Amino acid sequence: MGRGKVELKRIENSTSRQVTFSKRKNGLLKKAFELSILCDAEVALLIFSPSGKAYQFASHDMDRSIARYRNEVGLMEFNNYQRSRTIEFWMSEIDNLRRTIDTLEAKHKHLAGEDLSTLGMKELKQLERQLKNGVERIRAKKRRIISEHISLLKKRQRALQEDNTRLQKKLHEANLNTRAFGAEECDAFGSGSSGFGGPHDGAGI
């Protein structure tokens, strides 16, 4: 009686799954070896276990077989093409950046009044307008800074004046209190003197 057909589906039991993997992996490696010997074929086999461990068989050099496969299916030419396109792209980007830097450096020199011999009348007028606009913006910025500084100084002046007014008021009040205290002491001293001299005056009479 023959063996029943095995249903191909994932083995749920981890122990059974590991045992089956080990047996079938060894059988597959054996078949690959036999195929290379019997048929003089170039065989390359890669197996990765569920845990990530690699197993391989190569009748020749594995790297050579992989390179041959990539060349056969066109992957090598595609990669070279992509690499060439990438190099062309970055070379173009470098050239664009170099031209941009040169342009900015030339404009910087022109704004500084240097290297003007290459400019025509149109370019010189445009540069003059740019300089005038730049000067106006600078002047406006200076006026705004000066105005803000003046406003700050006025605020400080008002604050100092208010502090001075408060101090003068306190000083004036202190002077008034001192004078009032002095007058009270004088009155008290005068009254004491009159009472002490009365008996002497009577005795003299």
N, C-alpha and C. Protein backbone atom coordinates (compact mmCIF):
# COMPACT_ATOMS: atom_id res chain seq x y z
N MET A 1 0.87 -1.19 0.00
CA MET A 1 0.00 0.00 0.00
C MET A 1 0.88 1.22 0.00
N GLY A 2 0.61 2.15 -0.94
CA GLY A 2 1.44 3.34 -1.09
C GLY A 2 1.18 4.37 -0.01
N ARG A 3 2.11 5.32 0.08
CA ARG A 3 1.98 6.41 1.06
C ARG A 3 0.93 7.40 0.58
N GLY A 4 0.21 7.95 1.55
CA GLY A 4 -0.79 8.95 1.21
C GLY A 4 -0.14 10.28 0.83
N LYS A 5 -0.86 11.08 0.08
CA LYS A 5 -0.35 12.38 -0.34
C LYS A 5 -0.29 13.33 0.85
N VAL A 6 0.88 13.94 1.03
CA VAL A 6 1.05 14.88 2.15
C VAL A 6 0.54 16.25 1.75
N GLU A 7 -0.31 16.82 2.58
CA GLU A 7 -0.84 18.15 2.31
C GLU A 7 0.24 19.19 2.61
N LEU A 8 0.49 20.07 1.64
CA LEU A 8 1.52 21.09 1.79
C LEU A 8 0.94 22.31 2.52
N LYS A 9 1.26 22.40 3.76
CA LYS A 9 0.89 23.57 4.55
C LYS A 9 1.89 23.69 5.70
N ARG A 10 1.89 24.83 6.31
CA ARG A 10 2.85 25.10 7.39
C ARG A 10 2.62 24.16 8.55
N ILE A 11 3.72 23.56 9.04
CA ILE A 11 3.64 22.66 10.20
C ILE A 11 3.56 23.52 11.45
N GLU A 12 2.50 23.38 12.20
CA GLU A 12 2.27 24.23 13.36
C GLU A 12 3.19 23.87 14.53
N ASN A 13 3.45 22.60 14.74
CA ASN A 13 4.30 22.17 15.85
C ASN A 13 5.75 22.53 15.53
N SER A 14 6.35 23.33 16.40
CA SER A 14 7.69 23.84 16.14
C SER A 14 8.74 22.71 16.09
N THR A 15 8.59 21.69 16.96
CA THR A 15 9.55 20.58 16.96
C THR A 15 9.46 19.79 15.67
N SER A 16 8.24 19.45 15.27
CA SER A 16 8.04 18.72 14.02
C SER A 16 8.52 19.54 12.83
N ARG A 17 8.29 20.87 12.90
CA ARG A 17 8.71 21.74 11.79
C ARG A 17 10.23 21.75 11.66
N GLN A 18 10.94 21.78 12.79
CA GLN A 18 12.40 21.80 12.76
C GLN A 18 12.96 20.47 12.25
N VAL A 19 12.35 19.35 12.67
CA VAL A 19 12.81 18.03 12.22
C VAL A 19 12.60 17.89 10.71
N THR A 20 11.44 18.34 10.24
CA THR A 20 11.16 18.26 8.80
C THR A 20 12.12 19.13 8.00
N PHE A 21 12.40 20.32 8.51
CA PHE A 21 13.33 21.21 7.80
C PHE A 21 14.70 20.56 7.68
N SER A 22 15.19 19.97 8.79
CA SER A 22 16.51 19.36 8.78
C SER A 22 16.59 18.21 7.77
N LYS A 23 15.56 17.35 7.75
CA LYS A 23 15.56 16.20 6.84
C LYS A 23 15.49 16.66 5.38
N ARG A 24 14.59 17.55 5.09
CA ARG A 24 14.39 17.97 3.70
C ARG A 24 15.55 18.85 3.21
N LYS A 25 16.15 19.60 4.12
CA LYS A 25 17.31 20.40 3.75
C LYS A 25 18.47 19.51 3.34
N ASN A 26 18.72 18.48 4.13
CA ASN A 26 19.79 17.53 3.79
C ASN A 26 19.51 16.81 2.48
N GLY A 27 18.24 16.45 2.28
CA GLY A 27 17.87 15.78 1.03
C GLY A 27 18.07 16.70 -0.17
N LEU A 28 17.71 17.99 0.01
CA LEU A 28 17.86 18.94 -1.10
C LEU A 28 19.33 19.19 -1.44
N LEU A 29 20.16 19.29 -0.41
CA LEU A 29 21.59 19.46 -0.65
C LEU A 29 22.19 18.23 -1.36
N LYS A 30 21.73 17.05 -0.96
CA LYS A 30 22.20 15.81 -1.59
C LYS A 30 21.80 15.76 -3.05
N LYS A 31 20.56 16.16 -3.35
CA LYS A 31 20.08 16.15 -4.73
C LYS A 31 20.86 17.15 -5.58
N ALA A 32 21.20 18.32 -4.99
CA ALA A 32 21.97 19.31 -5.73
C ALA A 32 23.36 18.77 -6.06
N PHE A 33 23.96 18.12 -5.09
CA PHE A 33 25.28 17.51 -5.32
C PHE A 33 25.22 16.45 -6.41
N GLU A 34 24.21 15.59 -6.34
CA GLU A 34 24.08 14.51 -7.33
C GLU A 34 23.85 15.09 -8.72
N LEU A 35 23.07 16.14 -8.81
CA LEU A 35 22.80 16.76 -10.11
C LEU A 35 24.07 17.32 -10.73
N SER A 36 24.89 17.94 -9.90
CA SER A 36 26.14 18.51 -10.44
C SER A 36 27.10 17.42 -10.92
N ILE A 37 27.11 16.28 -10.25
CA ILE A 37 28.02 15.19 -10.62
C ILE A 37 27.49 14.44 -11.84
N LEU A 38 26.25 14.04 -11.80
CA LEU A 38 25.68 13.21 -12.85
C LEU A 38 25.57 13.95 -14.18
N CYS A 39 25.22 15.24 -14.10
CA CYS A 39 24.94 15.98 -15.34
C CYS A 39 25.99 17.03 -15.66
N ASP A 40 27.04 17.08 -14.87
CA ASP A 40 28.10 18.08 -15.07
C ASP A 40 27.51 19.50 -15.13
N ALA A 41 26.59 19.75 -14.20
CA ALA A 41 25.91 21.04 -14.16
C ALA A 41 26.55 21.95 -13.11
N GLU A 42 26.46 23.24 -13.38
CA GLU A 42 26.91 24.22 -12.38
C GLU A 42 25.71 24.53 -11.48
N VAL A 43 25.81 24.07 -10.24
CA VAL A 43 24.69 24.17 -9.31
C VAL A 43 25.08 25.06 -8.13
N ALA A 44 24.22 25.99 -7.79
CA ALA A 44 24.41 26.84 -6.61
C ALA A 44 23.10 26.86 -5.85
N LEU A 45 23.16 26.49 -4.58
CA LEU A 45 21.95 26.38 -3.76
C LEU A 45 22.14 27.15 -2.47
N LEU A 46 21.18 28.00 -2.15
CA LEU A 46 21.18 28.77 -0.90
C LEU A 46 19.92 28.46 -0.13
N ILE A 47 20.05 28.17 1.16
CA ILE A 47 18.90 27.88 2.02
C ILE A 47 19.06 28.69 3.31
N PHE A 48 17.99 29.35 3.72
CA PHE A 48 17.97 30.08 4.99
C PHE A 48 16.91 29.46 5.88
N SER A 49 17.33 29.07 7.07
CA SER A 49 16.40 28.46 8.01
C SER A 49 15.46 29.53 8.58
N PRO A 50 14.37 29.12 9.25
CA PRO A 50 13.47 30.10 9.86
C PRO A 50 14.17 31.01 10.87
N SER A 51 15.25 30.52 11.47
CA SER A 51 15.99 31.35 12.43
C SER A 51 17.01 32.25 11.75
N GLY A 52 17.15 32.12 10.42
CA GLY A 52 18.07 32.98 9.69
C GLY A 52 19.42 32.38 9.39
N LYS A 53 19.66 31.13 9.77
CA LYS A 53 20.93 30.48 9.51
C LYS A 53 21.00 30.07 8.04
N ALA A 54 22.18 30.28 7.43
CA ALA A 54 22.34 30.03 6.00
C ALA A 54 23.01 28.68 5.77
N TYR A 55 22.54 27.99 4.73
CA TYR A 55 23.14 26.75 4.27
C TYR A 55 23.32 26.90 2.76
N GLN A 56 24.44 26.38 2.25
CA GLN A 56 24.68 26.54 0.83
C GLN A 56 25.43 25.35 0.25
N PHE A 57 25.25 25.17 -1.06
CA PHE A 57 26.05 24.21 -1.82
C PHE A 57 26.37 24.85 -3.16
N ALA A 58 27.61 24.73 -3.58
CA ALA A 58 28.02 25.24 -4.88
C ALA A 58 28.98 24.25 -5.51
N SER A 59 28.64 23.81 -6.71
CA SER A 59 29.53 22.89 -7.42
C SER A 59 30.79 23.62 -7.90
N HIS A 60 30.69 24.91 -8.09
CA HIS A 60 31.81 25.76 -8.43
C HIS A 60 31.88 26.88 -7.38
N ASP A 61 32.49 27.99 -7.71
CA ASP A 61 32.56 29.11 -6.77
C ASP A 61 31.19 29.78 -6.68
N MET A 62 30.69 30.00 -5.45
CA MET A 62 29.36 30.58 -5.26
C MET A 62 29.27 31.98 -5.84
N ASP A 63 30.28 32.82 -5.60
CA ASP A 63 30.26 34.20 -6.10
C ASP A 63 30.23 34.20 -7.64
N ARG A 64 31.00 33.29 -8.24
CA ARG A 64 31.02 33.23 -9.70
C ARG A 64 29.66 32.81 -10.24
N SER A 65 29.03 31.85 -9.56
CA SER A 65 27.72 31.38 -10.02
C SER A 65 26.68 32.49 -9.89
N ILE A 66 26.75 33.27 -8.78
CA ILE A 66 25.79 34.36 -8.60
C ILE A 66 26.01 35.44 -9.65
N ALA A 67 27.29 35.79 -9.92
CA ALA A 67 27.59 36.79 -10.94
C ALA A 67 27.11 36.33 -12.31
N ARG A 68 27.28 35.03 -12.60
CA ARG A 68 26.81 34.50 -13.87
C ARG A 68 25.30 34.59 -13.99
N TYR A 69 24.62 34.29 -12.89
CA TYR A 69 23.15 34.36 -12.88
C TYR A 69 22.69 35.80 -13.12
N ARG A 70 23.30 36.74 -12.44
CA ARG A 70 22.90 38.14 -12.59
C ARG A 70 23.13 38.61 -14.03
N ASN A 71 24.22 38.17 -14.60
CA ASN A 71 24.50 38.55 -15.98
C ASN A 71 23.49 37.93 -16.94
N GLU A 72 23.10 36.68 -16.66
CA GLU A 72 22.16 35.98 -17.53
C GLU A 72 20.79 36.65 -17.55
N VAL A 73 20.34 37.11 -16.40
CA VAL A 73 18.98 37.68 -16.32
C VAL A 73 18.98 39.19 -16.54
N GLY A 74 20.18 39.78 -16.77
CA GLY A 74 20.24 41.20 -17.08
C GLY A 74 20.39 42.12 -15.90
N LEU A 75 20.58 41.58 -14.72
CA LEU A 75 20.72 42.44 -13.55
C LEU A 75 22.03 43.22 -13.58
N MET A 76 23.07 42.65 -14.12
CA MET A 76 24.36 43.31 -14.14
C MET A 76 24.30 44.57 -14.99
N GLU A 77 23.71 44.42 -16.20
CA GLU A 77 23.63 45.59 -17.08
C GLU A 77 22.74 46.67 -16.47
N PHE A 78 21.69 46.27 -15.83
CA PHE A 78 20.79 47.23 -15.21
C PHE A 78 21.49 48.01 -14.11
N ASN A 79 22.27 47.31 -13.28
CA ASN A 79 22.99 47.97 -12.20
C ASN A 79 24.04 48.93 -12.74
N ASN A 80 24.76 48.48 -13.80
CA ASN A 80 25.75 49.37 -14.40
C ASN A 80 25.09 50.61 -14.99
N TYR A 81 23.92 50.41 -15.60
CA TYR A 81 23.20 51.54 -16.17
C TYR A 81 22.76 52.52 -15.09
N GLN A 82 22.22 51.94 -14.01
CA GLN A 82 21.80 52.79 -12.91
C GLN A 82 22.98 53.53 -12.30
N ARG A 83 24.10 52.84 -12.15
CA ARG A 83 25.29 53.47 -11.59
C ARG A 83 25.77 54.61 -12.49
N SER A 84 25.73 54.36 -13.80
CA SER A 84 26.15 55.39 -14.75
C SER A 84 25.22 56.60 -14.69
N ARG A 85 23.92 56.35 -14.59
CA ARG A 85 22.95 57.44 -14.49
C ARG A 85 23.14 58.23 -13.20
N THR A 86 23.45 57.53 -12.13
CA THR A 86 23.67 58.22 -10.86
C THR A 86 24.90 59.11 -10.93
N ILE A 87 25.96 58.59 -11.53
CA ILE A 87 27.19 59.39 -11.67
C ILE A 87 26.92 60.62 -12.53
N GLU A 88 26.19 60.43 -13.63
CA GLU A 88 25.86 61.55 -14.51
C GLU A 88 25.03 62.60 -13.77
N PHE A 89 24.08 62.13 -12.94
CA PHE A 89 23.23 63.06 -12.20
C PHE A 89 24.06 63.91 -11.25
N TRP A 90 24.93 63.28 -10.47
CA TRP A 90 25.71 64.04 -9.49
C TRP A 90 26.74 64.93 -10.16
N MET A 91 27.31 64.49 -11.28
CA MET A 91 28.22 65.37 -12.02
C MET A 91 27.49 66.61 -12.52
N SER A 92 26.25 66.42 -12.98
CA SER A 92 25.45 67.56 -13.42
C SER A 92 25.14 68.49 -12.25
N GLU A 93 24.80 67.90 -11.10
CA GLU A 93 24.53 68.72 -9.92
C GLU A 93 25.76 69.51 -9.51
N ILE A 94 26.93 68.89 -9.57
CA ILE A 94 28.17 69.57 -9.21
C ILE A 94 28.44 70.74 -10.16
N ASP A 95 28.22 70.51 -11.47
CA ASP A 95 28.42 71.58 -12.45
C ASP A 95 27.45 72.74 -12.20
N ASN A 96 26.19 72.42 -11.89
CA ASN A 96 25.21 73.46 -11.61
C ASN A 96 25.60 74.27 -10.38
N LEU A 97 26.05 73.58 -9.34
CA LEU A 97 26.47 74.28 -8.13
C LEU A 97 27.69 75.15 -8.39
N ARG A 98 28.61 74.65 -9.21
CA ARG A 98 29.81 75.43 -9.52
C ARG A 98 29.43 76.70 -10.28
N ARG A 99 28.52 76.58 -11.24
CA ARG A 99 28.08 77.76 -11.99
C ARG A 99 27.35 78.75 -11.08
N THR A 100 26.54 78.23 -10.17
CA THR A 100 25.83 79.11 -9.23
C THR A 100 26.81 79.86 -8.34
N ILE A 101 27.83 79.17 -7.86
CA ILE A 101 28.84 79.81 -7.01
C ILE A 101 29.58 80.89 -7.78
N ASP A 102 29.95 80.58 -9.03
CA ASP A 102 30.65 81.58 -9.85
C ASP A 102 29.79 82.82 -10.07
N THR A 103 28.50 82.60 -10.33
CA THR A 103 27.59 83.73 -10.54
C THR A 103 27.46 84.59 -9.30
N LEU A 104 27.30 83.95 -8.14
CA LEU A 104 27.17 84.69 -6.89
C LEU A 104 28.44 85.44 -6.55
N GLU A 105 29.59 84.81 -6.79
CA GLU A 105 30.85 85.50 -6.51
C GLU A 105 31.01 86.72 -7.42
N ALA A 106 30.62 86.60 -8.69
CA ALA A 106 30.70 87.73 -9.61
C ALA A 106 29.78 88.87 -9.17
N LYS A 107 28.55 88.53 -8.74
CA LYS A 107 27.63 89.55 -8.26
C LYS A 107 28.17 90.23 -7.01
N HIS A 108 28.79 89.45 -6.14
CA HIS A 108 29.37 90.02 -4.93
C HIS A 108 30.47 91.03 -5.27
N LYS A 109 31.31 90.68 -6.24
CA LYS A 109 32.36 91.60 -6.65
C LYS A 109 31.78 92.86 -7.28
N HIS A 110 30.73 92.70 -8.08
CA HIS A 110 30.11 93.86 -8.71
C HIS A 110 29.51 94.80 -7.67
N LEU A 111 28.86 94.24 -6.67
CA LEU A 111 28.28 95.07 -5.61
C LEU A 111 29.35 95.80 -4.81
N ALA A 112 30.55 95.20 -4.77
CA ALA A 112 31.66 95.84 -4.08
C ALA A 112 32.41 96.80 -4.99
N GLY A 113 31.94 96.98 -6.24
CA GLY A 113 32.59 97.89 -7.16
C GLY A 113 33.82 97.30 -7.83
N GLU A 114 33.92 95.99 -7.85
CA GLU A 114 35.08 95.33 -8.44
C GLU A 114 34.69 94.60 -9.72
N ASP A 115 35.68 94.42 -10.59
CA ASP A 115 35.52 93.63 -11.81
C ASP A 115 34.32 94.11 -12.64
N LEU A 116 34.28 95.43 -12.89
CA LEU A 116 33.16 96.01 -13.64
C LEU A 116 33.43 96.11 -15.13
N SER A 117 34.63 95.74 -15.54
CA SER A 117 35.00 95.90 -16.95
C SER A 117 34.18 95.00 -17.86
N THR A 118 33.65 93.91 -17.33
CA THR A 118 32.89 92.97 -18.16
C THR A 118 31.42 93.38 -18.30
N LEU A 119 31.00 94.42 -17.61
CA LEU A 119 29.60 94.83 -17.63
C LEU A 119 29.36 95.90 -18.69
N GLY A 120 28.22 95.79 -19.38
CA GLY A 120 27.80 96.81 -20.33
C GLY A 120 26.96 97.87 -19.65
N MET A 121 26.44 98.81 -20.45
CA MET A 121 25.65 99.90 -19.90
C MET A 121 24.39 99.39 -19.22
N LYS A 122 23.74 98.40 -19.81
CA LYS A 122 22.52 97.86 -19.24
C LYS A 122 22.79 97.22 -17.88
N GLU A 123 23.85 96.43 -17.83
CA GLU A 123 24.20 95.77 -16.57
C GLU A 123 24.61 96.79 -15.51
N LEU A 124 25.32 97.84 -15.93
CA LEU A 124 25.75 98.87 -14.98
C LEU A 124 24.55 99.63 -14.41
N LYS A 125 23.56 99.94 -15.25
CA LYS A 125 22.36 100.63 -14.76
C LYS A 125 21.59 99.73 -13.79
N GLN A 126 21.49 98.44 -14.14
CA GLN A 126 20.80 97.51 -13.24
C GLN A 126 21.53 97.41 -11.90
N LEU A 127 22.87 97.37 -11.96
CA LEU A 127 23.65 97.32 -10.72
C LEU A 127 23.47 98.59 -9.92
N GLU A 128 23.38 99.73 -10.62
CA GLU A 128 23.18 101.01 -9.92
C GLU A 128 21.84 101.03 -9.20
N ARG A 129 20.79 100.52 -9.86
CA ARG A 129 19.48 100.45 -9.20
C ARG A 129 19.53 99.54 -7.98
N GLN A 130 20.21 98.41 -8.11
CA GLN A 130 20.32 97.50 -6.97
C GLN A 130 21.04 98.16 -5.81
N LEU A 131 22.10 98.91 -6.12
CA LEU A 131 22.84 99.59 -5.05
C LEU A 131 21.98 100.67 -4.40
N LYS A 132 21.23 101.42 -5.22
CA LYS A 132 20.36 102.46 -4.66
C LYS A 132 19.30 101.84 -3.75
N ASN A 133 18.70 100.75 -4.24
CA ASN A 133 17.69 100.08 -3.40
C ASN A 133 18.32 99.55 -2.12
N GLY A 134 19.54 99.01 -2.24
CA GLY A 134 20.22 98.52 -1.05
C GLY A 134 20.53 99.63 -0.07
N VAL A 135 20.97 100.78 -0.59
CA VAL A 135 21.26 101.92 0.28
C VAL A 135 19.99 102.40 0.98
N GLU A 136 18.87 102.46 0.24
CA GLU A 136 17.61 102.89 0.85
C GLU A 136 17.18 101.93 1.95
N ARG A 137 17.34 100.63 1.71
CA ARG A 137 16.99 99.66 2.74
C ARG A 137 17.89 99.81 3.97
N ILE A 138 19.17 100.07 3.72
CA ILE A 138 20.10 100.26 4.84
C ILE A 138 19.72 101.51 5.63
N ARG A 139 19.41 102.59 4.93
CA ARG A 139 19.03 103.83 5.61
C ARG A 139 17.74 103.65 6.40
N ALA A 140 16.79 102.95 5.79
CA ALA A 140 15.53 102.70 6.51
C ALA A 140 15.78 101.87 7.77
N LYS A 141 16.66 100.89 7.66
CA LYS A 141 17.00 100.09 8.82
C LYS A 141 17.68 100.93 9.89
N LYS A 142 18.58 101.82 9.48
CA LYS A 142 19.26 102.70 10.44
C LYS A 142 18.27 103.63 11.11
N ARG A 143 17.34 104.20 10.32
CA ARG A 143 16.34 105.11 10.91
C ARG A 143 15.47 104.37 11.92
N ARG A 144 15.10 103.14 11.59
CA ARG A 144 14.26 102.38 12.52
C ARG A 144 15.02 102.07 13.81
N ILE A 145 16.30 101.70 13.68
CA ILE A 145 17.10 101.42 14.88
C ILE A 145 17.27 102.67 15.72
N ILE A 146 17.56 103.83 15.05
CA ILE A 146 17.74 105.08 15.80
C ILE A 146 16.44 105.47 16.49
N SER A 147 15.31 105.32 15.78
CA SER A 147 14.02 105.66 16.37
C SER A 147 13.72 104.78 17.60
N GLU A 148 14.00 103.48 17.48
CA GLU A 148 13.78 102.60 18.62
C GLU A 148 14.70 102.97 19.78
N HIS A 149 15.94 103.36 19.47
CA HIS A 149 16.89 103.75 20.52
C HIS A 149 16.43 105.03 21.22
N ILE A 150 15.92 105.99 20.42
CA ILE A 150 15.42 107.25 21.01
C ILE A 150 14.23 106.97 21.92
N SER A 151 13.33 106.11 21.46
CA SER A 151 12.16 105.78 22.29
C SER A 151 12.59 105.12 23.60
N LEU A 152 13.60 104.26 23.52
CA LEU A 152 14.08 103.62 24.73
C LEU A 152 14.71 104.63 25.69
N LEU A 153 15.49 105.57 25.13
CA LEU A 153 16.11 106.60 25.98
C LEU A 153 15.05 107.51 26.62
N LYS A 154 13.98 107.84 25.87
CA LYS A 154 12.91 108.65 26.44
C LYS A 154 12.21 107.93 27.59
N LYS A 155 11.99 106.64 27.42
CA LYS A 155 11.38 105.86 28.50
C LYS A 155 12.26 105.88 29.74
N ARG A 156 13.56 105.71 29.54
CA ARG A 156 14.48 105.75 30.68
C ARG A 156 14.49 107.13 31.31
N GLN A 157 14.40 108.19 30.48
CA GLN A 157 14.39 109.54 31.02
C GLN A 157 13.16 109.78 31.88
N ARG A 158 11.99 109.34 31.37
CA ARG A 158 10.77 109.51 32.15
C ARG A 158 10.84 108.74 33.47
N ALA A 159 11.40 107.54 33.40
CA ALA A 159 11.51 106.75 34.62
C ALA A 159 12.43 107.43 35.63
N LEU A 160 13.54 108.00 35.15
CA LEU A 160 14.46 108.71 36.06
C LEU A 160 13.80 109.96 36.63
N GLN A 161 13.05 110.67 35.80
CA GLN A 161 12.35 111.86 36.30
C GLN A 161 11.33 111.50 37.37
N GLU A 162 10.61 110.41 37.14
CA GLU A 162 9.63 109.98 38.15
C GLU A 162 10.34 109.59 39.44
N ASP A 163 11.47 108.88 39.33
CA ASP A 163 12.23 108.51 40.52
C ASP A 163 12.73 109.76 41.24
N ASN A 164 13.20 110.74 40.47
CA ASN A 164 13.69 111.98 41.07
C ASN A 164 12.58 112.73 41.78
N THR A 165 11.39 112.77 41.15
CA THR A 165 10.25 113.47 41.77
C THR A 165 9.87 112.80 43.08
N ARG A 166 9.85 111.47 43.10
CA ARG A 166 9.52 110.76 44.34
C ARG A 166 10.56 111.03 45.43
N LEU A 167 11.81 111.03 45.05
CA LEU A 167 12.87 111.28 46.04
C LEU A 167 12.78 112.71 46.61
N GLN A 168 12.52 113.69 45.73
CA GLN A 168 12.38 115.07 46.20
C GLN A 168 11.19 115.22 47.13
N LYS A 169 10.11 114.53 46.80
CA LYS A 169 8.93 114.59 47.66
C LYS A 169 9.21 114.00 49.03
N LYS A 170 9.91 112.86 49.04
CA LYS A 170 10.26 112.24 50.32
C LYS A 170 11.21 113.13 51.12
N LEU A 171 12.16 113.75 50.41
CA LEU A 171 13.10 114.63 51.10
C LEU A 171 12.39 115.84 51.69
N HIS A 172 11.44 116.41 50.94
CA HIS A 172 10.67 117.55 51.42
C HIS A 172 9.85 117.19 52.65
N GLU A 173 9.22 116.00 52.59
CA GLU A 173 8.45 115.55 53.74
C GLU A 173 9.35 115.31 54.95
N ALA A 174 10.53 114.79 54.71
CA ALA A 174 11.46 114.58 55.82
C ALA A 174 11.89 115.90 56.44
N ASN A 175 12.12 116.91 55.60
CA ASN A 175 12.51 118.23 56.13
C ASN A 175 11.39 118.85 56.95
N LEU A 176 10.14 118.71 56.47
CA LEU A 176 9.01 119.26 57.23
C LEU A 176 8.88 118.58 58.58
N ASN A 177 9.06 117.25 58.59
CA ASN A 177 8.96 116.52 59.86
C ASN A 177 10.07 116.94 60.82
N THR A 178 11.25 117.17 60.27
CA THR A 178 12.37 117.59 61.12
C THR A 178 12.12 118.97 61.73
N ARG A 179 11.60 119.88 60.90
CA ARG A 179 11.29 121.23 61.42
C ARG A 179 10.20 121.18 62.49
N ALA A 180 9.18 120.39 62.23
CA ALA A 180 8.09 120.31 63.21
C ALA A 180 8.59 119.72 64.52
N PHE A 181 9.45 118.71 64.42
CA PHE A 181 10.00 118.10 65.63
C PHE A 181 10.87 119.09 66.40
N GLY A 182 11.63 119.90 65.66
CA GLY A 182 12.48 120.92 66.30
C GLY A 182 11.66 121.99 66.98
N ALA A 183 10.57 122.39 66.37
CA ALA A 183 9.73 123.42 66.98
C ALA A 183 9.10 122.90 68.26
N GLU A 184 8.67 121.67 68.25
CA GLU A 184 8.08 121.10 69.46
C GLU A 184 9.10 121.05 70.60
N GLU A 185 10.34 120.73 70.29
CA GLU A 185 11.37 120.67 71.32
C GLU A 185 11.66 122.06 71.89
N CYS A 186 11.65 123.07 71.01
CA CYS A 186 11.88 124.45 71.48
C CYS A 186 10.77 124.91 72.41
N ASP A 187 9.54 124.58 72.05
CA ASP A 187 8.41 124.98 72.90
C ASP A 187 8.51 124.29 74.26
N ALA A 188 8.85 123.03 74.24
CA ALA A 188 8.95 122.30 75.50
C ALA A 188 10.09 122.85 76.36
N PHE A 189 11.20 123.22 75.76
CA PHE A 189 12.33 123.78 76.53
C PHE A 189 12.00 125.14 77.11
N GLY A 190 11.25 125.94 76.33
CA GLY A 190 10.86 127.27 76.83
C GLY A 190 9.91 127.19 78.01
N SER A 191 8.99 126.29 77.96
CA SER A 191 8.04 126.15 79.07
C SER A 191 8.76 125.69 80.32
N GLY A 192 9.72 124.80 80.18
CA GLY A 192 10.46 124.31 81.35
C GLY A 192 11.30 125.41 81.98
N SER A 193 11.85 126.27 81.21
CA SER A 193 12.70 127.35 81.73
C SER A 193 11.89 128.34 82.53
N SER A 194 10.66 128.65 82.09
CA SER A 194 9.82 129.62 82.80
C SER A 194 9.41 129.09 84.16
N GLY A 195 9.09 127.88 84.25
CA GLY A 195 8.65 127.31 85.54
C GLY A 195 9.82 127.23 86.51
N PHE A 196 11.04 127.02 86.03
CA PHE A 196 12.18 126.90 86.92
C PHE A 196 12.64 128.25 87.47
N GLY A 197 12.42 129.31 86.73
CA GLY A 197 12.92 130.63 87.18
C GLY A 197 11.93 131.39 88.05
N GLY A 198 10.69 130.98 88.25
CA GLY A 198 9.68 131.70 89.03
C GLY A 198 10.07 131.89 90.48
N PRO A 199 10.49 130.86 91.18
CA PRO A 199 10.81 131.02 92.60
C PRO A 199 11.99 131.95 92.80
N HIS A 200 12.96 131.95 91.97
CA HIS A 200 14.09 132.86 92.15
C HIS A 200 13.67 134.29 92.05
N ASP A 201 12.73 134.55 91.12
CA ASP A 201 12.27 135.92 90.97
C ASP A 201 11.50 136.38 92.23
N GLY A 202 10.73 135.49 92.80
CA GLY A 202 9.95 135.87 94.01
C GLY A 202 10.87 136.13 95.15
N ALA A 203 11.93 135.35 95.28
CA ALA A 203 12.84 135.52 96.41
C ALA A 203 13.58 136.84 96.30
N GLY A 204 13.84 137.26 95.11
CA GLY A 204 14.55 138.53 94.94
C GLY A 204 13.73 139.69 95.38
N ILE A 205 12.45 139.62 95.21
CA ILE A 205 11.58 140.70 95.64
C ILE A 205 11.54 140.71 97.14
